[in-house]
């Protein structure tokens, strides 16, 4: 992303990897001094967690999947309060995928509790393709596999709790999409106009001019487009 600098540059310095490490260590020391609790695998599970349940309905099964993600709130009541996912459960009446779903939920939960950056998990799940082919979910979005849709649910949850920012189109991408949408709407209106008929809806197809314009007039089938009449 380009950053416009309005002020005059009077000096500059190149940031080295060592500078970044020192800055990270200083920030970590400052956080420890403030008694800030970070997410880690030794963190005990509280008696109560806040959760959200998402419904996944796919054409692969008549039974829906329900994905529940429970969150832990760290440093509650302080300026450093943060909500992090702690565990995930997936439930369904369909037992065909029971084994690998249980394994997947345990692995995902372990990654959540490990702490650190968990955003990579979304892309890893989304990149799983079903060799039998994917499907379109409601709204027309294509899902390459059921695992990918679980990753999409986790992405939506991370956006909701503020760990991820929703990807927005930049100005040029949005303009291109608006232009394509307007072009499509114009072409659709033209097609509708071309197919719009000025003849009655109950009119039948004329065998002579191949126009749906033949109606019963004065007891005789007559074409309103070319005048063809069964009565001569």
C-alpha atoms as a PDB file:
ATOM      1  CA  UNK A   1       0.000   0.000   0.000  1.00  0.00           C
ATOM      2  CA  UNK A   2       1.387   3.398  -1.002  1.00  0.00           C
ATOM      3  CA  UNK A   3       1.824   5.990   1.772  1.00  0.00           C
ATOM      4  CA  UNK A   4       1.832   9.662   0.834  1.00  0.00           C
ATOM      5  CA  UNK A   5       4.313  11.767   2.812  1.00  0.00           C
ATOM      6  CA  UNK A   6       3.248  15.407   3.099  1.00  0.00           C
ATOM      7  CA  UNK A   7       6.005  16.611   5.423  1.00  0.00           C
ATOM      8  CA  UNK A   8       9.557  17.295   4.294  1.00  0.00           C
ATOM      9  CA  UNK A   9      12.020  14.457   4.940  1.00  0.00           C
ATOM     10  CA  UNK A  10      14.962  15.770   6.983  1.00  0.00           C
ATOM     11  CA  UNK A  11      16.629  12.457   7.849  1.00  0.00           C
ATOM     12  CA  UNK A  12      16.179   8.719   7.465  1.00  0.00           C
ATOM     13  CA  UNK A  13      17.620   5.435   8.674  1.00  0.00           C
ATOM     14  CA  UNK A  14      17.491   1.842   7.462  1.00  0.00           C
ATOM     15  CA  UNK A  15      15.753  -0.521   9.895  1.00  0.00           C
ATOM     16  CA  UNK A  16      17.771  -3.708  10.314  1.00  0.00           C
ATOM     17  CA  UNK A  17      16.511  -7.110  11.530  1.00  0.00           C
ATOM     18  CA  UNK A  18      18.407  -6.457  14.785  1.00  0.00           C
ATOM     19  CA  UNK A  19      16.421  -3.243  15.271  1.00  0.00           C
ATOM     20  CA  UNK A  20      13.178  -5.167  14.839  1.00  0.00           C
ATOM     21  CA  UNK A  21      14.277  -7.796  17.361  1.00  0.00           C
ATOM     22  CA  UNK A  22      15.214  -5.120  19.919  1.00  0.00           C
ATOM     23  CA  UNK A  23      11.864  -3.383  19.394  1.00  0.00           C
ATOM     24  CA  UNK A  24      10.000  -6.683  19.848  1.00  0.00           C
ATOM     25  CA  UNK A  25      11.964  -7.466  23.026  1.00  0.00           C
ATOM     26  CA  UNK A  26      11.265  -3.982  24.405  1.00  0.00           C
ATOM     27  CA  UNK A  27       7.541  -4.348  23.676  1.00  0.00           C
ATOM     28  CA  UNK A  28       7.528  -7.798  25.286  1.00  0.00           C
ATOM     29  CA  UNK A  29       9.300  -6.469  28.381  1.00  0.00           C
ATOM     30  CA  UNK A  30       6.837  -3.598  28.624  1.00  0.00           C
ATOM     31  CA  UNK A  31       3.920  -6.012  28.408  1.00  0.00           C
ATOM     32  CA  UNK A  32       5.398  -8.221  31.132  1.00  0.00           C
ATOM     33  CA  UNK A  33       5.885  -5.193  33.335  1.00  0.00           C
ATOM     34  CA  UNK A  34       2.202  -4.379  32.953  1.00  0.00           C
ATOM     35  CA  UNK A  35       1.198  -7.956  33.941  1.00  0.00           C
ATOM     36  CA  UNK A  36      -0.425  -8.554  30.569  1.00  0.00           C
ATOM     37  CA  UNK A  37      -1.541 -12.136  29.958  1.00  0.00           C
ATOM     38  CA  UNK A  38      -0.843 -13.534  26.495  1.00  0.00           C
ATOM     39  CA  UNK A  39      -2.382 -16.615  24.926  1.00  0.00           C
ATOM     40  CA  UNK A  40      -0.311 -19.748  25.552  1.00  0.00           C
ATOM     41  CA  UNK A  41      -0.902 -23.499  25.779  1.00  0.00           C
ATOM     42  CA  UNK A  42      -0.516 -23.620  29.589  1.00  0.00           C
ATOM     43  CA  UNK A  43      -3.390 -21.191  30.096  1.00  0.00           C
ATOM     44  CA  UNK A  44      -6.092 -22.937  32.153  1.00  0.00           C
ATOM     45  CA  UNK A  45      -9.566 -23.175  30.647  1.00  0.00           C
ATOM     46  CA  UNK A  46     -12.077 -20.971  32.510  1.00  0.00           C
ATOM     47  CA  UNK A  47     -15.354 -22.444  33.709  1.00  0.00           C
ATOM     48  CA  UNK A  48     -17.251 -20.279  31.203  1.00  0.00           C
ATOM     49  CA  UNK A  49     -16.357 -19.240  27.671  1.00  0.00           C
ATOM     50  CA  UNK A  50     -18.178 -17.026  25.202  1.00  0.00           C
ATOM     51  CA  UNK A  51     -19.111 -18.886  22.028  1.00  0.00           C
ATOM     52  CA  UNK A  52     -20.661 -18.465  18.593  1.00  0.00           C
ATOM     53  CA  UNK A  53     -22.274 -21.234  16.542  1.00  0.00           C
ATOM     54  CA  UNK A  54     -22.293 -21.210  12.739  1.00  0.00           C
ATOM     55  CA  UNK A  55     -24.495 -23.378  10.540  1.00  0.00           C
ATOM     56  CA  UNK A  56     -23.012 -25.004   7.422  1.00  0.00           C
ATOM     57  CA  UNK A  57     -25.544 -26.416   4.966  1.00  0.00           C
ATOM     58  CA  UNK A  58     -23.965 -28.127   1.978  1.00  0.00           C
ATOM     59  CA  UNK A  59     -25.393 -30.066  -0.984  1.00  0.00           C
ATOM     60  CA  UNK A  60     -23.150 -32.955   0.083  1.00  0.00           C
ATOM     61  CA  UNK A  61     -25.503 -33.969   2.887  1.00  0.00           C
ATOM     62  CA  UNK A  62     -29.097 -33.394   3.935  1.00  0.00           C
ATOM     63  CA  UNK A  63     -27.879 -32.745   7.483  1.00  0.00           C
ATOM     64  CA  UNK A  64     -26.229 -29.439   8.402  1.00  0.00           C
ATOM     65  CA  UNK A  65     -22.975 -29.032  10.301  1.00  0.00           C
ATOM     66  CA  UNK A  66     -22.852 -26.741  13.332  1.00  0.00           C
ATOM     67  CA  UNK A  67     -19.480 -25.173  14.080  1.00  0.00           C
ATOM     68  CA  UNK A  68     -19.117 -23.711  17.581  1.00  0.00           C
ATOM     69  CA  UNK A  69     -16.095 -21.537  18.384  1.00  0.00           C
ATOM     70  CA  UNK A  70     -15.562 -20.626  22.034  1.00  0.00           C
ATOM     71  CA  UNK A  71     -13.485 -17.557  22.918  1.00  0.00           C
ATOM     72  CA  UNK A  72     -11.483 -16.598  25.977  1.00  0.00           C
ATOM     73  CA  UNK A  73     -11.216 -12.954  27.050  1.00  0.00           C
ATOM     74  CA  UNK A  74      -7.717 -12.018  28.215  1.00  0.00           C
ATOM     75  CA  UNK A  75      -6.938  -9.024  30.446  1.00  0.00           C
ATOM     76  CA  UNK A  76     -10.637  -8.346  30.923  1.00  0.00           C
ATOM     77  CA  UNK A  77     -11.482  -4.850  32.121  1.00  0.00           C
ATOM     78  CA  UNK A  78      -8.095  -3.394  31.139  1.00  0.00           C
ATOM     79  CA  UNK A  79      -6.958  -1.381  28.085  1.00  0.00           C
ATOM     80  CA  UNK A  80      -5.237  -4.582  26.891  1.00  0.00           C
ATOM     81  CA  UNK A  81      -8.427  -6.655  26.802  1.00  0.00           C
ATOM     82  CA  UNK A  82      -8.479  -9.038  23.859  1.00  0.00           C
ATOM     83  CA  UNK A  83     -10.754 -11.845  22.719  1.00  0.00           C
ATOM     84  CA  UNK A  84      -9.055 -14.964  21.361  1.00  0.00           C
ATOM     85  CA  UNK A  85     -10.542 -18.250  20.075  1.00  0.00           C
ATOM     86  CA  UNK A  86      -9.878 -21.066  22.538  1.00  0.00           C
ATOM     87  CA  UNK A  87     -11.603 -24.176  21.178  1.00  0.00           C
ATOM     88  CA  UNK A  88     -13.853 -25.406  18.383  1.00  0.00           C
ATOM     89  CA  UNK A  89     -16.545 -28.076  18.199  1.00  0.00           C
ATOM     90  CA  UNK A  90     -18.341 -29.442  15.124  1.00  0.00           C
ATOM     91  CA  UNK A  91     -21.596 -31.360  15.447  1.00  0.00           C
ATOM     92  CA  UNK A  92     -23.910 -33.000  12.912  1.00  0.00           C
ATOM     93  CA  UNK A  93     -26.431 -35.795  12.558  1.00  0.00           C
ATOM     94  CA  UNK A  94     -24.371 -37.052   9.620  1.00  0.00           C
ATOM     95  CA  UNK A  95     -21.798 -39.484  11.018  1.00  0.00           C
ATOM     96  CA  UNK A  96     -20.046 -40.185   7.687  1.00  0.00           C
ATOM     97  CA  UNK A  97     -17.197 -37.790   8.446  1.00  0.00           C
ATOM     98  CA  UNK A  98     -17.156 -38.230  12.237  1.00  0.00           C
ATOM     99  CA  UNK A  99     -13.559 -39.476  12.553  1.00  0.00           C
ATOM    100  CA  UNK A 100     -11.770 -36.776  10.615  1.00  0.00           C
ATOM    101  CA  UNK A 101     -14.030 -34.020  11.965  1.00  0.00           C
ATOM    102  CA  UNK A 102     -13.125 -34.956  15.555  1.00  0.00           C
ATOM    103  CA  UNK A 103      -9.433 -35.017  14.602  1.00  0.00           C
ATOM    104  CA  UNK A 104      -9.725 -31.649  12.837  1.00  0.00           C
ATOM    105  CA  UNK A 105     -11.429 -29.962  15.790  1.00  0.00           C
ATOM    106  CA  UNK A 106      -8.735 -31.175  18.199  1.00  0.00           C
ATOM    107  CA  UNK A 107      -5.932 -29.933  15.964  1.00  0.00           C
ATOM    108  CA  UNK A 108      -7.595 -26.543  15.427  1.00  0.00           C
ATOM    109  CA  UNK A 109      -8.224 -26.174  19.164  1.00  0.00           C
ATOM    110  CA  UNK A 110      -4.572 -27.007  19.872  1.00  0.00           C
ATOM    111  CA  UNK A 111      -3.463 -24.296  17.422  1.00  0.00           C
ATOM    112  CA  UNK A 112      -5.824 -21.796  19.072  1.00  0.00           C
ATOM    113  CA  UNK A 113      -4.406 -22.531  22.551  1.00  0.00           C
ATOM    114  CA  UNK A 114      -0.820 -22.360  21.344  1.00  0.00           C
ATOM    115  CA  UNK A 115      -1.172 -18.610  20.893  1.00  0.00           C
ATOM    116  CA  UNK A 116       0.680 -16.415  18.458  1.00  0.00           C
ATOM    117  CA  UNK A 117      -0.454 -15.904  14.888  1.00  0.00           C
ATOM    118  CA  UNK A 118      -3.366 -18.194  14.013  1.00  0.00           C
ATOM    119  CA  UNK A 119      -4.430 -16.453  10.811  1.00  0.00           C
ATOM    120  CA  UNK A 120      -2.422 -18.931   8.705  1.00  0.00           C
ATOM    121  CA  UNK A 121      -4.922 -21.618   9.713  1.00  0.00           C
ATOM    122  CA  UNK A 122      -7.635 -20.006   7.589  1.00  0.00           C
ATOM    123  CA  UNK A 123      -5.608 -20.111   4.378  1.00  0.00           C
ATOM    124  CA  UNK A 124      -4.430 -23.663   5.051  1.00  0.00           C
ATOM    125  CA  UNK A 125      -8.022 -24.909   5.407  1.00  0.00           C
ATOM    126  CA  UNK A 126      -9.265 -22.877   2.449  1.00  0.00           C
ATOM    127  CA  UNK A 127      -6.638 -24.436   0.195  1.00  0.00           C
ATOM    128  CA  UNK A 128      -7.975 -27.992   0.715  1.00  0.00           C
ATOM    129  CA  UNK A 129      -9.677 -29.264  -2.455  1.00  0.00           C
ATOM    130  CA  UNK A 130     -12.048 -32.201  -2.652  1.00  0.00           C
ATOM    131  CA  UNK A 131     -11.006 -34.594  -5.485  1.00  0.00           C
ATOM    132  CA  UNK A 132     -14.709 -35.247  -6.107  1.00  0.00           C
ATOM    133  CA  UNK A 133     -15.310 -31.545  -6.767  1.00  0.00           C
ATOM    134  CA  UNK A 134     -16.546 -28.598  -4.761  1.00  0.00           C
ATOM    135  CA  UNK A 135     -19.928 -26.886  -4.567  1.00  0.00           C
ATOM    136  CA  UNK A 136     -21.567 -23.475  -4.461  1.00  0.00           C
ATOM    137  CA  UNK A 137     -22.893 -22.260  -1.140  1.00  0.00           C
ATOM    138  CA  UNK A 138     -25.770 -19.854  -0.710  1.00  0.00           C
ATOM    139  CA  UNK A 139     -24.939 -16.520  -2.274  1.00  0.00           C
ATOM    140  CA  UNK A 140     -23.017 -18.114  -5.140  1.00  0.00           C
ATOM    141  CA  UNK A 141     -19.633 -18.441  -3.420  1.00  0.00           C
ATOM    142  CA  UNK A 142     -17.673 -21.491  -4.533  1.00  0.00           C
ATOM    143  CA  UNK A 143     -16.305 -23.852  -1.899  1.00  0.00           C
ATOM    144  CA  UNK A 144     -13.619 -26.332  -3.081  1.00  0.00           C
ATOM    145  CA  UNK A 145     -14.347 -28.661  -0.134  1.00  0.00           C
ATOM    146  CA  UNK A 146     -16.153 -29.001   3.177  1.00  0.00           C
ATOM    147  CA  UNK A 147     -12.852 -28.349   4.980  1.00  0.00           C
ATOM    148  CA  UNK A 148     -12.502 -25.099   3.020  1.00  0.00           C
ATOM    149  CA  UNK A 149     -15.935 -23.964   4.215  1.00  0.00           C
ATOM    150  CA  UNK A 150     -14.921 -24.678   7.819  1.00  0.00           C
ATOM    151  CA  UNK A 151     -11.917 -22.444   7.161  1.00  0.00           C
ATOM    152  CA  UNK A 152     -14.281 -19.796   5.793  1.00  0.00           C
ATOM    153  CA  UNK A 153     -16.332 -19.983   9.005  1.00  0.00           C
ATOM    154  CA  UNK A 154     -13.182 -19.508  11.112  1.00  0.00           C
ATOM    155  CA  UNK A 155     -12.256 -16.516   8.943  1.00  0.00           C
ATOM    156  CA  UNK A 156     -15.683 -14.938   9.550  1.00  0.00           C
ATOM    157  CA  UNK A 157     -15.282 -15.501  13.293  1.00  0.00           C
ATOM    158  CA  UNK A 158     -11.816 -13.924  13.401  1.00  0.00           C
ATOM    159  CA  UNK A 159     -13.182 -10.891  11.562  1.00  0.00           C
ATOM    160  CA  UNK A 160     -16.075 -10.652  14.025  1.00  0.00           C
ATOM    161  CA  UNK A 161     -13.832 -10.645  17.116  1.00  0.00           C
ATOM    162  CA  UNK A 162     -11.358  -8.220  15.538  1.00  0.00           C
ATOM    163  CA  UNK A 163      -8.344 -10.490  14.968  1.00  0.00           C
ATOM    164  CA  UNK A 164      -8.711 -10.107  11.208  1.00  0.00           C
ATOM    165  CA  UNK A 165      -9.697  -7.132   9.107  1.00  0.00           C
ATOM    166  CA  UNK A 166     -12.286  -7.767   6.441  1.00  0.00           C
ATOM    167  CA  UNK A 167     -10.667  -7.510   3.045  1.00  0.00           C
ATOM    168  CA  UNK A 168     -11.964  -4.487   1.190  1.00  0.00           C
ATOM    169  CA  UNK A 169     -11.518  -3.682  -2.467  1.00  0.00           C
ATOM    170  CA  UNK A 170      -9.334  -0.729  -3.309  1.00  0.00           C
ATOM    171  CA  UNK A 171     -10.611   2.216  -5.340  1.00  0.00           C
ATOM    172  CA  UNK A 172      -9.552   0.803  -8.722  1.00  0.00           C
ATOM    173  CA  UNK A 173     -10.969  -2.683  -8.089  1.00  0.00           C
ATOM    174  CA  UNK A 174     -14.274  -1.220  -6.901  1.00  0.00           C
ATOM    175  CA  UNK A 175     -14.495   1.044  -9.975  1.00  0.00           C
ATOM    176  CA  UNK A 176     -13.843  -1.919 -12.285  1.00  0.00           C
ATOM    177  CA  UNK A 177     -16.544  -4.004 -10.600  1.00  0.00           C
ATOM    178  CA  UNK A 178     -19.033  -1.105 -10.764  1.00  0.00           C
ATOM    179  CA  UNK A 179     -18.315  -0.670 -14.484  1.00  0.00           C
ATOM    180  CA  UNK A 180     -18.751  -4.388 -15.173  1.00  0.00           C
ATOM    181  CA  UNK A 181     -22.001  -4.459 -13.191  1.00  0.00           C
ATOM    182  CA  UNK A 182     -23.363  -1.437 -15.071  1.00  0.00           C
ATOM    183  CA  UNK A 183     -22.348  -3.029 -18.401  1.00  0.00           C
ATOM    184  CA  UNK A 184     -24.108  -6.260 -17.464  1.00  0.00           C
ATOM    185  CA  UNK A 185     -27.267  -4.410 -16.411  1.00  0.00           C
ATOM    186  CA  UNK A 186     -27.303  -2.451 -19.690  1.00  0.00           C
ATOM    187  CA  UNK A 187     -26.933  -5.637 -21.758  1.00  0.00           C
ATOM    188  CA  UNK A 188     -29.672  -7.316 -19.705  1.00  0.00           C
ATOM    189  CA  UNK A 189     -32.050  -4.408 -20.291  1.00  0.00           C
ATOM    190  CA  UNK A 190     -31.334  -4.528 -24.051  1.00  0.00           C
ATOM    191  CA  UNK A 191     -32.010  -8.259 -24.167  1.00  0.00           C
ATOM    192  CA  UNK A 192     -35.248  -7.816 -22.242  1.00  0.00           C
ATOM    193  CA  UNK A 193     -36.276  -5.055 -24.637  1.00  0.00           C
ATOM    194  CA  UNK A 194     -35.468  -7.233 -27.644  1.00  0.00           C
ATOM    195  CA  UNK A 195     -37.517 -10.086 -26.258  1.00  0.00           C
ATOM    196  CA  UNK A 196     -40.355  -7.869 -25.100  1.00  0.00           C
ATOM    197  CA  UNK A 197     -43.451  -8.576 -27.132  1.00  0.00           C
ATOM    198  CA  UNK A 198     -46.164  -6.085 -28.072  1.00  0.00           C
ATOM    199  CA  UNK A 199     -48.572  -8.952 -28.744  1.00  0.00           C
ATOM    200  CA  UNK A 200     -50.941 -10.527 -26.200  1.00  0.00           C
ATOM    201  CA  UNK A 201     -49.439 -13.077 -23.813  1.00  0.00           C
ATOM    202  CA  UNK A 202     -51.902 -15.747 -24.930  1.00  0.00           C
ATOM    203  CA  UNK A 203     -50.819 -15.363 -28.599  1.00  0.00           C
ATOM    204  CA  UNK A 204     -49.627 -18.481 -30.406  1.00  0.00           C
ATOM    205  CA  UNK A 205     -46.761 -19.003 -32.819  1.00  0.00           C
ATOM    206  CA  UNK A 206     -47.510 -18.084 -36.422  1.00  0.00           C
ATOM    207  CA  UNK A 207     -46.489 -20.821 -38.893  1.00  0.00           C
ATOM    208  CA  UNK A 208     -45.715 -18.236 -41.572  1.00  0.00           C
ATOM    209  CA  UNK A 209     -43.670 -15.495 -39.865  1.00  0.00           C
ATOM    210  CA  UNK A 210     -42.602 -17.557 -36.816  1.00  0.00           C
ATOM    211  CA  UNK A 211     -43.803 -14.812 -34.472  1.00  0.00           C
ATOM    212  CA  UNK A 212     -45.856 -15.456 -31.386  1.00  0.00           C
ATOM    213  CA  UNK A 213     -48.665 -13.209 -32.575  1.00  0.00           C
ATOM    214  CA  UNK A 214     -51.552 -15.453 -33.643  1.00  0.00           C
ATOM    215  CA  UNK A 215     -54.816 -14.926 -31.775  1.00  0.00           C
ATOM    216  CA  UNK A 216     -58.462 -15.917 -32.200  1.00  0.00           C
ATOM    217  CA  UNK A 217     -60.177 -13.009 -33.950  1.00  0.00           C
ATOM    218  CA  UNK A 218     -63.786 -13.116 -35.156  1.00  0.00           C
ATOM    219  CA  UNK A 219     -63.770 -16.878 -34.824  1.00  0.00           C
ATOM    220  CA  UNK A 220     -60.612 -17.251 -36.930  1.00  0.00           C
ATOM    221  CA  UNK A 221     -56.932 -17.659 -35.977  1.00  0.00           C
ATOM    222  CA  UNK A 222     -55.224 -14.533 -37.287  1.00  0.00           C
ATOM    223  CA  UNK A 223     -51.614 -13.361 -37.011  1.00  0.00           C
ATOM    224  CA  UNK A 224     -51.295  -9.799 -35.792  1.00  0.00           C
ATOM    225  CA  UNK A 225     -47.772  -9.567 -37.213  1.00  0.00           C
ATOM    226  CA  UNK A 226     -48.111 -10.705 -40.842  1.00  0.00           C
ATOM    227  CA  UNK A 227     -51.903 -11.006 -41.240  1.00  0.00           C
ATOM    228  CA  UNK A 228     -51.887 -14.750 -41.946  1.00  0.00           C
ATOM    229  CA  UNK A 229     -55.355 -16.130 -41.356  1.00  0.00           C
ATOM    230  CA  UNK A 230     -56.749 -19.653 -41.288  1.00  0.00           C
ATOM    231  CA  UNK A 231     -59.927 -18.319 -42.868  1.00  0.00           C
ATOM    232  CA  UNK A 232     -58.124 -16.977 -45.895  1.00  0.00           C
END
